[in-house]
Amino acid sequence: MRPDLPSDDRRAAVAPVQDWRLLLLVFCVTSVVESLGVSQIFAFAPAYLSQMGVADADRLHFIGLFSALIFVVGAPLVPLWGVWADKYSRKAVIVRSALVEALVFACVALSREPWQLAGSMLLVGFQLGNTGVMLAAIRDATPRSRLGTAIALFGASGPIGMAIGPVLGGRIVDGLHQGLPAIFWVSAGLSVGTALLVTFGSREVRPAVIPQGRLVSLAFGAVRGVLVDPAIRRVFLIFGVAFLGAQMSRPYLPVLVENVNGKLDLASAIGFVSGTAALVGALVSPIGGWIGDRVGFRPVLVGGLFLGGVSAAILPLLPSVGTLAVGVLVFGACYSVEAAMVFGLLATEVPAERRSATLNLVYLPLYAAGIIGPILGAIVVGFGIWAPFVAAAAVFVTGALVVAAMSTKSTRATGSA
């Protein structure tokens, strides 16, 4: 290895320890399974609570509060997992996440009382922290000329899992005539499979620089190093706004489906509405990236936030499963485009020396919004099922105005310079 070459070129000058295409395939499957299971919790928790005998008036509040539990435990641990992975083993962190997933889904399947379901959802937090680790490993294993393609493909795996989960759940309940617990037993088995896949189907990919020092100090240092950078802080704030609007309203989508569909074949209707939206979102995201490359990430982000706000506001007004599916499709596509634009901003505005730490912590805004958003939704839903969607619309539109103002300010500053 030649020491005079830049780090990316030095890695390319030696034989890779891991074929990047195989690693990408393994991580995409892992991401699909995780997203599949989590999407089923969001999609079928309202019906599960009804089966447990929770009254409708209480159920609306429970849905928001239970959704927040998913992130309460996990958010503070994410920086620790990222540093631990870089210091010791990325592979072990990813396998740990898959095994925790299996435990979580098994506990959800065994839940028969609301407090048991709440405890199971609280455990979801222990499985967080693997997405950024997988992104960092993909970046280190992939040739620079293929990096954009690899990250785009990995980014699509999550939405694909979100699409498959509710559809598979609907098939299990309405097609195979199994109870709701069967959905989560299947997801638990798939999670064990991904743990085995990562263990035996991939090799360890170590970062170019191994962190030295105490784990807690390194974790706090990583967070501090990322957040002191104004460019990263702005992008994280935008990301948090996009996630906040989605997390305020998403837990209540199954309730809207139930209101227009009724109880008959409800699982299939939820799968159709949620799955279609997630799948189209996965397909639209690369198109948004293509447009962003040509007109700029910020203008596309402004458009996505504004249109997402409009679509969120009209969702409670839609009268049928078909029209609701179209509305959720637009909403999901806007959300996917927003995420793609934020990743584009991170790729272009984050300094190279902070990029790895930023990737490890990229979902911190999601976890923060995942706690705050459902709690706010649970508060405002007392006014009616429409309230979380109107509140989410206000968040999206406000975010669009803020990003537009930031872009205008940046353009003026550049012009004056």
Protein backbone atom coordinates (compact mmCIF):
# COMPACT_ATOMS: atom_id res chain seq x y z
CA MET A 1 0.00 0.00 0.00
CA ARG A 2 1.35 3.41 -0.96
CA PRO A 3 1.18 5.94 1.92
CA ASP A 4 1.26 8.89 -0.48
CA LEU A 5 -2.20 8.05 -1.87
CA PRO A 6 -5.43 9.46 -0.40
CA SER A 7 -7.25 7.07 1.92
CA ASP A 8 -9.96 6.10 -0.63
CA ASP A 9 -7.30 5.33 -3.24
CA ARG A 10 -5.19 3.37 -0.76
CA ARG A 11 -8.19 1.13 -0.04
CA ALA A 12 -8.72 0.63 -3.77
CA ALA A 13 -5.06 -0.28 -4.30
CA VAL A 14 -5.34 -3.50 -2.31
CA ALA A 15 -7.63 -6.49 -2.69
CA PRO A 16 -10.88 -5.84 -0.75
CA VAL A 17 -11.62 -8.10 2.21
CA GLN A 18 -15.29 -8.16 1.17
CA ASP A 19 -16.93 -8.11 -2.26
CA TRP A 20 -19.04 -4.95 -2.12
CA ARG A 21 -21.85 -6.44 -4.21
CA LEU A 22 -22.30 -9.37 -1.85
CA LEU A 23 -22.11 -7.07 1.17
CA LEU A 24 -24.73 -4.79 -0.38
CA LEU A 25 -27.04 -7.75 -1.03
CA VAL A 26 -26.69 -9.05 2.53
CA PHE A 27 -27.32 -5.61 4.04
CA CYS A 28 -30.28 -4.91 1.73
CA VAL A 29 -31.94 -8.17 2.80
CA THR A 30 -31.24 -7.30 6.44
CA SER A 31 -32.76 -3.84 6.02
CA VAL A 32 -35.83 -5.20 4.21
CA VAL A 33 -36.56 -7.67 7.01
CA GLU A 34 -36.14 -5.08 9.76
CA SER A 35 -38.36 -2.54 7.99
CA LEU A 36 -40.89 -5.26 7.20
CA GLY A 37 -41.34 -6.13 10.87
CA VAL A 38 -41.41 -2.57 12.16
CA SER A 39 -43.96 -1.56 9.50
CA GLN A 40 -46.21 -4.41 10.68
CA ILE A 41 -46.10 -3.06 14.23
CA PHE A 42 -47.19 0.37 13.00
CA ALA A 43 -49.82 -1.05 10.64
CA PHE A 44 -51.49 -3.56 12.94
CA ALA A 45 -51.05 -2.07 16.44
CA PRO A 46 -54.48 -0.34 16.30
CA ALA A 47 -56.24 -3.61 15.39
CA TYR A 48 -54.19 -5.46 18.01
CA LEU A 49 -55.28 -2.98 20.69
CA SER A 50 -58.92 -3.43 19.67
CA GLN A 51 -58.57 -7.19 20.07
CA MET A 52 -57.16 -6.58 23.55
CA GLY A 53 -60.38 -4.77 24.49
CA VAL A 54 -59.10 -1.19 24.50
CA ALA A 55 -61.96 1.28 24.00
CA ASP A 56 -61.80 3.38 20.83
CA ALA A 57 -61.46 6.67 22.72
CA ASP A 58 -58.48 5.36 24.68
CA ARG A 59 -57.03 3.54 21.69
CA LEU A 60 -56.31 6.74 19.78
CA HIS A 61 -54.15 8.04 22.62
CA PHE A 62 -52.49 4.65 23.11
CA ILE A 63 -51.49 4.47 19.44
CA GLY A 64 -49.44 7.66 19.64
CA LEU A 65 -47.87 6.90 23.00
CA PHE A 66 -47.01 3.32 22.06
CA SER A 67 -45.39 4.50 18.82
CA ALA A 68 -43.14 6.84 20.81
CA LEU A 69 -41.98 3.95 22.99
CA ILE A 70 -40.14 2.47 20.01
CA PHE A 71 -37.53 5.22 20.16
CA VAL A 72 -37.35 6.09 23.86
CA VAL A 73 -34.75 3.48 24.79
CA GLY A 74 -32.94 3.35 21.46
CA ALA A 75 -32.16 7.01 20.78
CA PRO A 76 -29.58 7.50 23.59
CA LEU A 77 -27.84 4.23 22.66
CA VAL A 78 -27.33 4.99 18.95
CA PRO A 79 -24.07 6.96 19.38
CA LEU A 80 -22.68 4.16 21.56
CA TRP A 81 -23.48 1.50 18.95
CA GLY A 82 -21.84 3.54 16.19
CA VAL A 83 -18.61 4.02 18.13
CA TRP A 84 -18.62 0.43 19.41
CA ALA A 85 -18.99 -0.81 15.83
CA ASP A 86 -16.04 1.27 14.60
CA LYS A 87 -13.91 0.36 17.61
CA TYR A 88 -14.63 -3.38 17.79
CA SER A 89 -16.96 -4.93 15.19
CA ARG A 90 -19.57 -3.59 12.80
CA LYS A 91 -20.71 -7.10 12.03
CA ALA A 92 -21.42 -7.89 15.69
CA VAL A 93 -23.58 -4.75 16.04
CA ILE A 94 -25.65 -5.71 12.98
CA VAL A 95 -26.11 -9.32 14.16
CA ARG A 96 -27.06 -8.04 17.63
CA SER A 97 -29.76 -5.88 16.05
CA ALA A 98 -31.22 -8.81 14.08
CA LEU A 99 -31.38 -11.03 17.17
CA VAL A 100 -33.05 -8.29 19.21
CA GLU A 101 -35.57 -7.87 16.37
CA ALA A 102 -36.44 -11.55 16.64
CA LEU A 103 -36.98 -11.19 20.40
CA VAL A 104 -39.09 -8.06 19.96
CA PHE A 105 -41.37 -9.61 17.34
CA ALA A 106 -41.77 -12.75 19.45
CA CYS A 107 -42.75 -10.61 22.47
CA VAL A 108 -45.29 -8.71 20.34
CA ALA A 109 -46.74 -12.04 19.18
CA LEU A 110 -47.06 -13.19 22.80
CA SER A 111 -48.67 -9.95 24.03
CA ARG A 112 -52.25 -10.32 25.25
CA GLU A 113 -52.60 -7.14 27.33
CA PRO A 114 -51.87 -3.49 26.40
CA TRP A 115 -49.06 -3.25 28.97
CA GLN A 116 -47.39 -6.30 27.45
CA LEU A 117 -47.55 -4.74 23.98
CA ALA A 118 -46.14 -1.50 25.41
CA GLY A 119 -43.22 -3.39 26.96
CA SER A 120 -42.56 -5.17 23.68
CA MET A 121 -42.51 -1.90 21.73
CA LEU A 122 -40.15 -0.42 24.31
CA LEU A 123 -37.71 -3.23 23.48
CA VAL A 124 -37.60 -2.11 19.84
CA GLY A 125 -35.20 0.62 20.95
CA PHE A 126 -32.50 -1.96 21.61
CA GLN A 127 -32.46 -3.00 17.95
CA LEU A 128 -31.77 0.53 16.64
CA GLY A 129 -28.36 1.77 15.55
CA ASN A 130 -27.56 -0.66 12.74
CA THR A 131 -28.54 1.35 9.64
CA GLY A 132 -25.77 3.92 9.98
CA VAL A 133 -23.29 1.13 10.69
CA MET A 134 -24.32 -0.68 7.50
CA LEU A 135 -24.06 2.56 5.52
CA ALA A 136 -20.54 3.17 6.83
CA ALA A 137 -19.47 -0.40 5.97
CA ILE A 138 -20.91 -0.10 2.46
CA ARG A 139 -19.03 3.15 1.96
CA ASP A 140 -15.72 1.58 3.05
CA ALA A 141 -16.16 -1.57 0.92
CA THR A 142 -17.52 -0.02 -2.27
CA PRO A 143 -15.33 1.48 -5.03
CA ARG A 144 -15.78 5.21 -5.28
CA SER A 145 -17.16 4.91 -8.82
CA ARG A 146 -20.01 2.67 -7.59
CA LEU A 147 -20.69 4.38 -4.26
CA GLY A 148 -23.71 6.42 -5.39
CA THR A 149 -25.41 3.37 -6.87
CA ALA A 150 -24.70 1.26 -3.79
CA ILE A 151 -26.08 3.84 -1.36
CA ALA A 152 -29.15 4.44 -3.54
CA LEU A 153 -29.92 0.71 -3.68
CA PHE A 154 -29.45 0.33 0.06
CA GLY A 155 -31.64 3.37 0.66
CA ALA A 156 -34.46 1.75 -1.33
CA SER A 157 -34.35 -1.43 0.77
CA GLY A 158 -36.05 0.18 3.78
CA PRO A 159 -39.09 1.45 1.86
CA ILE A 160 -39.37 -1.89 0.07
CA GLY A 161 -39.54 -3.63 3.46
CA MET A 162 -42.10 -1.08 4.63
CA ALA A 163 -44.17 -1.98 1.54
CA ILE A 164 -43.90 -5.75 1.94
CA GLY A 165 -44.68 -5.84 5.68
CA PRO A 166 -48.33 -4.71 5.70
CA VAL A 167 -49.13 -6.63 2.49
CA LEU A 168 -47.65 -9.83 3.94
CA GLY A 169 -49.54 -9.25 7.18
CA GLY A 170 -52.80 -8.82 5.31
CA ARG A 171 -52.19 -12.05 3.43
CA ILE A 172 -51.45 -13.96 6.65
CA VAL A 173 -54.60 -12.71 8.40
CA ASP A 174 -57.20 -12.49 5.63
CA GLY A 175 -55.73 -14.94 3.12
CA LEU A 176 -54.46 -17.70 5.41
CA HIS A 177 -56.98 -16.93 8.19
CA GLN A 178 -54.35 -16.69 10.92
CA GLY A 179 -54.49 -14.36 13.90
CA LEU A 180 -52.48 -11.16 14.23
CA PRO A 181 -49.79 -12.86 16.38
CA ALA A 182 -48.87 -15.07 13.39
CA ILE A 183 -47.66 -11.95 11.54
CA PHE A 184 -45.04 -11.27 14.18
CA TRP A 185 -43.97 -14.91 14.52
CA VAL A 186 -43.11 -14.87 10.82
CA SER A 187 -41.12 -11.66 11.25
CA ALA A 188 -39.27 -13.15 14.24
CA GLY A 189 -38.25 -16.14 12.13
CA LEU A 190 -37.09 -13.89 9.28
CA SER A 191 -34.99 -11.85 11.72
CA VAL A 192 -33.21 -14.97 12.96
CA GLY A 193 -32.52 -15.74 9.31
CA THR A 194 -30.90 -12.33 8.72
CA ALA A 195 -28.70 -12.81 11.80
CA LEU A 196 -27.44 -16.05 10.28
CA LEU A 197 -27.08 -14.39 6.87
CA VAL A 198 -24.88 -11.58 8.22
CA THR A 199 -22.87 -14.02 10.36
CA PHE A 200 -22.04 -16.48 7.60
CA GLY A 201 -22.64 -14.44 4.44
CA SER A 202 -20.46 -11.39 5.06
CA ARG A 203 -17.03 -10.47 6.33
CA GLU A 204 -15.95 -7.80 8.77
CA VAL A 205 -15.32 -4.40 7.14
CA ARG A 206 -13.19 -2.21 9.39
CA PRO A 207 -13.02 1.60 9.15
CA ALA A 208 -9.85 3.24 7.87
CA VAL A 209 -9.28 4.84 11.28
CA ILE A 210 -10.07 2.84 14.43
CA PRO A 211 -11.30 5.07 17.31
CA GLN A 212 -9.08 5.09 20.39
CA GLY A 213 -10.25 5.89 23.91
CA ARG A 214 -13.15 5.22 26.26
CA LEU A 215 -16.41 4.20 24.60
CA VAL A 216 -18.64 6.77 26.32
CA SER A 217 -16.17 9.60 25.69
CA LEU A 218 -15.91 8.63 22.04
CA ALA A 219 -19.71 8.49 21.69
CA PHE A 220 -20.22 11.94 23.19
CA GLY A 221 -17.33 13.23 21.12
CA ALA A 222 -18.92 11.88 17.94
CA VAL A 223 -22.23 13.58 18.72
CA ARG A 224 -20.51 16.82 19.67
CA GLY A 225 -18.29 16.74 16.58
CA VAL A 226 -21.29 16.32 14.30
CA LEU A 227 -23.55 18.89 15.95
CA VAL A 228 -20.99 21.69 16.25
CA ASP A 229 -20.79 21.86 12.47
CA PRO A 230 -23.41 24.43 11.32
CA ALA A 231 -23.97 22.71 7.95
CA ILE A 232 -24.67 19.33 9.56
CA ARG A 233 -26.83 20.93 12.22
CA ARG A 234 -29.00 22.59 9.57
CA VAL A 235 -29.42 19.38 7.60
CA PHE A 236 -30.26 17.41 10.77
CA LEU A 237 -32.86 20.04 11.66
CA ILE A 238 -34.47 19.73 8.22
CA PHE A 239 -34.40 15.94 8.53
CA GLY A 240 -36.03 16.20 11.95
CA VAL A 241 -38.85 18.37 10.58
CA ALA A 242 -39.59 15.87 7.79
CA PHE A 243 -39.59 12.97 10.24
CA LEU A 244 -41.65 14.90 12.82
CA GLY A 245 -44.53 15.45 10.43
CA ALA A 246 -44.47 11.81 9.34
CA GLN A 247 -44.30 10.44 12.90
CA MET A 248 -47.19 12.62 14.07
CA SER A 249 -49.53 11.21 11.44
CA ARG A 250 -48.26 7.76 10.40
CA PRO A 251 -49.52 5.84 13.49
CA TYR A 252 -53.07 6.93 12.65
CA LEU A 253 -53.16 5.83 9.01
CA PRO A 254 -54.56 2.38 9.93
CA VAL A 255 -57.38 4.12 11.80
CA LEU A 256 -58.29 6.10 8.67
CA VAL A 257 -58.35 2.84 6.72
CA GLU A 258 -60.57 1.24 9.35
CA ASN A 259 -62.98 4.19 9.23
CA VAL A 260 -63.55 3.89 5.46
CA ASN A 261 -63.24 0.10 5.12
CA GLY A 262 -64.86 -1.33 8.25
CA LYS A 263 -63.76 -4.50 10.02
CA LEU A 264 -64.19 -6.90 7.09
CA ASP A 265 -60.82 -7.79 5.48
CA LEU A 266 -59.31 -4.89 7.40
CA ALA A 267 -55.78 -6.33 7.45
CA SER A 268 -55.75 -6.59 3.65
CA ALA A 269 -57.03 -3.03 3.29
CA ILE A 270 -54.32 -1.74 5.64
CA GLY A 271 -51.73 -3.72 3.70
CA PHE A 272 -52.97 -2.32 0.39
CA VAL A 273 -52.93 1.31 1.53
CA SER A 274 -49.68 1.23 3.51
CA GLY A 275 -47.83 -1.17 1.22
CA THR A 276 -48.68 0.66 -1.99
CA ALA A 277 -47.54 3.97 -0.56
CA ALA A 278 -44.23 2.58 0.67
CA LEU A 279 -43.49 0.75 -2.57
CA VAL A 280 -44.22 3.76 -4.76
CA GLY A 281 -42.11 5.85 -2.39
CA ALA A 282 -39.20 3.50 -2.95
CA LEU A 283 -39.60 3.82 -6.72
CA VAL A 284 -40.05 7.61 -6.69
CA SER A 285 -37.03 8.30 -4.48
CA PRO A 286 -34.43 7.74 -7.25
CA ILE A 287 -36.49 9.96 -9.58
CA GLY A 288 -36.38 12.68 -6.94
CA GLY A 289 -32.61 12.23 -6.76
CA TRP A 290 -32.33 12.57 -10.53
CA ILE A 291 -34.34 15.82 -10.46
CA GLY A 292 -32.29 17.06 -7.50
CA ASP A 293 -29.07 16.53 -9.43
CA ARG A 294 -30.38 18.88 -12.12
CA VAL A 295 -32.25 21.62 -10.26
CA GLY A 296 -30.68 21.36 -6.80
CA PHE A 297 -31.50 19.40 -3.66
CA ARG A 298 -33.04 22.30 -1.75
CA PRO A 299 -35.70 23.29 -4.36
CA VAL A 300 -36.85 19.66 -4.64
CA LEU A 301 -36.87 19.40 -0.83
CA VAL A 302 -39.06 22.52 -0.59
CA GLY A 303 -41.48 21.07 -3.14
CA GLY A 304 -41.59 17.71 -1.36
CA LEU A 305 -42.28 19.29 2.02
CA PHE A 306 -45.02 21.56 0.64
CA LEU A 307 -46.79 18.85 -1.36
CA GLY A 308 -46.40 16.45 1.58
CA GLY A 309 -48.14 18.99 3.80
CA VAL A 310 -51.04 19.39 1.38
CA SER A 311 -51.49 15.62 0.99
CA ALA A 312 -51.38 15.09 4.78
CA ALA A 313 -54.12 17.67 5.31
CA ILE A 314 -56.55 16.04 2.87
CA LEU A 315 -56.07 12.41 3.99
CA PRO A 316 -58.85 12.50 6.67
CA LEU A 317 -61.28 13.81 4.02
CA LEU A 318 -60.89 10.92 1.57
CA PRO A 319 -64.01 8.70 1.47
CA SER A 320 -62.82 5.28 0.28
CA VAL A 321 -59.94 2.82 0.48
CA GLY A 322 -59.02 3.57 -3.15
CA THR A 323 -58.86 7.34 -2.75
CA LEU A 324 -57.08 6.96 0.58
CA ALA A 325 -54.49 4.74 -1.10
CA VAL A 326 -53.86 7.44 -3.71
CA GLY A 327 -53.55 10.11 -1.04
CA VAL A 328 -51.17 8.03 1.07
CA LEU A 329 -49.23 7.22 -2.11
CA VAL A 330 -48.61 10.93 -2.71
CA PHE A 331 -47.77 11.47 0.95
CA GLY A 332 -45.32 8.52 0.97
CA ALA A 333 -43.67 9.61 -2.27
CA CYS A 334 -43.11 13.11 -0.87
CA TYR A 335 -41.61 11.67 2.29
CA SER A 336 -39.22 9.45 0.30
CA VAL A 337 -38.13 12.37 -1.86
CA GLU A 338 -37.54 14.48 1.24
CA ALA A 339 -35.30 11.78 2.72
CA ALA A 340 -33.38 11.42 -0.55
CA MET A 341 -32.79 15.17 -0.72
CA VAL A 342 -31.53 15.27 2.86
CA PHE A 343 -29.09 12.44 2.13
CA GLY A 344 -27.96 14.41 -0.92
CA LEU A 345 -27.35 17.48 1.25
CA LEU A 346 -25.36 15.38 3.71
CA ALA A 347 -23.25 13.96 0.88
CA THR A 348 -22.44 17.42 -0.50
CA GLU A 349 -22.29 19.66 2.58
CA VAL A 350 -20.68 17.48 5.30
CA PRO A 351 -16.88 17.85 5.59
CA ALA A 352 -15.01 14.66 4.63
CA GLU A 353 -13.43 14.30 8.08
CA ARG A 354 -16.87 14.12 9.75
CA ARG A 355 -18.64 12.01 7.15
CA SER A 356 -18.22 8.61 8.85
CA ALA A 357 -19.44 9.88 12.23
CA THR A 358 -22.36 11.62 10.52
CA LEU A 359 -23.40 8.43 8.74
CA ASN A 360 -23.34 6.54 12.05
CA LEU A 361 -25.63 9.17 13.57
CA VAL A 362 -27.73 9.93 10.50
CA TYR A 363 -30.97 8.68 12.06
CA LEU A 364 -30.73 10.64 15.31
CA PRO A 365 -33.26 13.18 13.94
CA LEU A 366 -35.61 10.27 13.20
CA TYR A 367 -35.32 8.92 16.73
CA ALA A 368 -35.91 12.35 18.28
CA ALA A 369 -38.91 12.95 16.02
CA GLY A 370 -40.06 9.38 16.70
CA ILE A 371 -40.45 10.28 20.37
CA ILE A 372 -41.84 13.81 20.02
CA GLY A 373 -44.10 13.25 17.00
CA PRO A 374 -46.32 10.42 18.30
CA ILE A 375 -46.65 12.14 21.68
CA LEU A 376 -47.86 15.33 19.97
CA GLY A 377 -50.16 13.21 17.83
CA ALA A 378 -51.58 11.53 20.93
CA ILE A 379 -52.28 14.95 22.44
CA VAL A 380 -54.00 16.56 19.45
CA VAL A 381 -55.98 13.45 18.43
CA GLY A 382 -58.36 14.31 21.27
CA PHE A 383 -59.82 16.90 18.89
CA GLY A 384 -60.53 14.19 16.30
CA ILE A 385 -58.73 11.74 14.03
CA TRP A 386 -58.14 14.59 11.57
CA ALA A 387 -56.02 16.58 14.04
CA PRO A 388 -52.67 14.70 13.77
CA PHE A 389 -52.79 15.04 9.98
CA VAL A 390 -53.54 18.76 10.05
CA ALA A 391 -50.77 19.27 12.61
CA ALA A 392 -48.38 17.28 10.41
CA ALA A 393 -49.37 19.41 7.42
CA ALA A 394 -48.52 22.55 9.39
CA VAL A 395 -45.10 21.11 10.27
CA PHE A 396 -44.35 20.21 6.64
CA VAL A 397 -45.41 23.57 5.24
CA THR A 398 -43.47 25.45 7.93
CA GLY A 399 -40.42 23.33 7.08
CA ALA A 400 -40.82 24.17 3.39
CA LEU A 401 -40.93 27.90 4.17
CA VAL A 402 -37.85 27.65 6.42
CA VAL A 403 -35.82 25.72 3.83
CA ALA A 404 -36.88 28.19 1.12
CA ALA A 405 -35.80 31.10 3.33
CA MET A 406 -32.47 29.41 4.10
CA SER A 407 -31.86 28.82 0.40
CA THR A 408 -32.65 32.44 -0.45
CA LYS A 409 -30.31 33.67 2.29
CA SER A 410 -27.54 31.36 1.09
CA THR A 411 -27.99 32.52 -2.52
CA ARG A 412 -27.81 36.20 -1.49
CA ALA A 413 -24.70 35.56 0.58
CA THR A 414 -23.05 33.81 -2.35
CA GLY A 415 -24.00 36.60 -4.73
CA SER A 416 -22.67 39.33 -2.42
CA ALA A 417 -19.40 37.42 -2.00
